[in-house]
Every structure is written in structure tokens, then in C-alpha cells.
Amino acid sequence: MKRLSLALALAFAVQAAEQSLSLKVEGWHSKGDVYKTESAVQKVKGVIRVSSDLEAKTLTVVFDDASANAAAIQKAISGAGYVSHR
């Protein structure tokens, strides 16, 4: 039974993969806007890393695709008061 559990856990771990998503964000004017957006996105379960470029108005998110997806990330951005698109 332990072997079966271990095999299933390993199979699941292999299926989950890190994905990267880059988005343009509208409405950023200051570092405070960036901070607010990054904080909202970091609360999404499965998000591993968030980085942004205020000048280019881009946000890059690395996430575990078994736990998070682009729609959840964009919903968090929207909830913070900003519009994002690919």
C-alpha cells in the first residue's frame, strides 16, 4: 500500500508543472500600484513568484499549474482594481 501511495504521489508531482505568465497591466502609475497588484497575485494558491516592471507595465507570474491558472491570476489583478491582458 505504501508503494502505491508513493507511486501516485510521484505521478501527481510529475504532472504538475511550473508555468510562466506575462501580462500587461493597465492603470499602474506608481510603485504602490505595483505593490498592490503583486500582493493580490501572491495570495493566489499555487503562485510561486511574481515580478513586475512598472515602466513596461508588465507582470510576470510563475505558478504551479496544478493549483493555479491564468484566470485566477487575472481575477486577482482585477480584484486589486486593475485590468490585465496578454
Protein backbone atom coordinates (compact mmCIF):
# COMPACT_ATOMS: atom_id res chain seq x y z
CA MET A 1 0.00 0.00 0.00
CA LYS A 2 2.88 2.38 0.78
CA ARG A 3 4.35 1.76 -2.66
CA LEU A 4 1.05 2.55 -4.34
CA SER A 5 0.71 5.78 -2.37
CA LEU A 6 4.26 6.76 -3.22
CA ALA A 7 3.74 5.95 -6.89
CA LEU A 8 0.56 8.04 -7.01
CA ALA A 9 2.26 10.95 -5.26
CA LEU A 10 5.16 10.83 -7.72
CA ALA A 11 2.81 10.61 -10.69
CA PHE A 12 0.93 13.67 -9.47
CA ALA A 13 4.16 15.59 -8.89
CA VAL A 14 5.30 14.82 -12.44
CA GLN A 15 2.01 16.12 -13.89
CA ALA A 16 2.21 19.42 -12.02
CA ALA A 17 4.49 21.88 -13.73
CA GLU A 18 5.66 25.41 -13.29
CA GLN A 19 4.17 27.78 -15.83
CA SER A 20 5.07 31.37 -16.56
CA LEU A 21 2.52 34.02 -17.48
CA SER A 22 3.36 37.54 -18.64
CA LEU A 23 0.63 40.15 -18.61
CA LYS A 24 0.29 43.82 -19.48
CA VAL A 25 -1.41 45.74 -16.68
CA GLU A 26 -3.41 48.90 -17.25
CA GLY A 27 -3.76 51.54 -14.55
CA TRP A 28 -0.30 51.40 -13.00
CA HIS A 29 1.09 54.85 -12.19
CA SER A 30 3.29 54.25 -9.15
CA LYS A 31 5.20 51.64 -7.17
CA GLY A 32 2.18 51.49 -4.87
CA ASP A 33 0.05 50.22 -7.75
CA VAL A 34 2.65 47.55 -8.49
CA TYR A 35 2.86 46.54 -4.83
CA LYS A 36 -0.93 46.28 -4.55
CA THR A 37 -1.09 44.08 -7.65
CA GLU A 38 1.82 41.84 -6.64
CA SER A 39 0.33 41.37 -3.17
CA ALA A 40 -3.03 40.33 -4.61
CA VAL A 41 -1.45 37.86 -7.03
CA GLN A 42 0.81 36.33 -4.36
CA LYS A 43 -2.33 35.35 -2.43
CA VAL A 44 -3.46 33.05 -5.26
CA LYS A 45 -2.84 29.45 -4.22
CA GLY A 46 -0.09 27.96 -6.38
CA VAL A 47 1.71 31.20 -7.22
CA ILE A 48 5.44 30.71 -6.75
CA ARG A 49 6.96 34.01 -7.84
CA VAL A 50 5.77 37.43 -9.03
CA SER A 51 7.90 40.09 -10.69
CA SER A 52 6.94 43.31 -12.37
CA ASP A 53 8.23 46.18 -14.46
CA LEU A 54 6.47 49.48 -13.76
CA GLU A 55 7.95 51.23 -16.80
CA ALA A 56 6.83 48.48 -19.20
CA LYS A 57 3.64 47.91 -17.17
CA THR A 58 4.18 44.14 -17.20
CA LEU A 59 3.70 41.48 -14.57
CA THR A 60 5.28 38.04 -14.80
CA VAL A 61 3.94 35.23 -12.65
CA VAL A 62 5.42 31.76 -12.15
CA PHE A 63 2.86 29.32 -10.82
CA ASP A 64 2.14 25.65 -10.29
CA ASP A 65 -0.41 24.75 -12.93
CA ALA A 66 -1.90 22.05 -10.70
CA SER A 67 -3.03 24.73 -8.24
CA ALA A 68 -3.36 27.99 -10.18
CA ASN A 69 -4.27 29.16 -13.66
CA ALA A 70 -4.27 32.34 -15.74
CA ALA A 71 -7.93 33.06 -14.99
CA ALA A 72 -7.36 33.00 -11.20
CA ILE A 73 -4.34 35.28 -11.56
CA GLN A 74 -6.22 37.75 -13.75
CA LYS A 75 -9.15 37.68 -11.33
CA ALA A 76 -6.78 38.66 -8.51
CA ILE A 77 -5.44 41.55 -10.60
CA SER A 78 -8.98 42.67 -11.37
CA GLY A 79 -9.86 42.44 -7.68
CA ALA A 80 -6.95 44.78 -6.94
CA GLY A 81 -8.51 47.32 -9.30
CA TYR A 82 -6.50 46.85 -12.48
CA VAL A 83 -7.07 45.43 -15.97
CA SER A 84 -4.68 42.86 -17.39
CA HIS A 85 -4.27 41.22 -20.77
CA ARG A 86 -1.77 39.06 -22.58
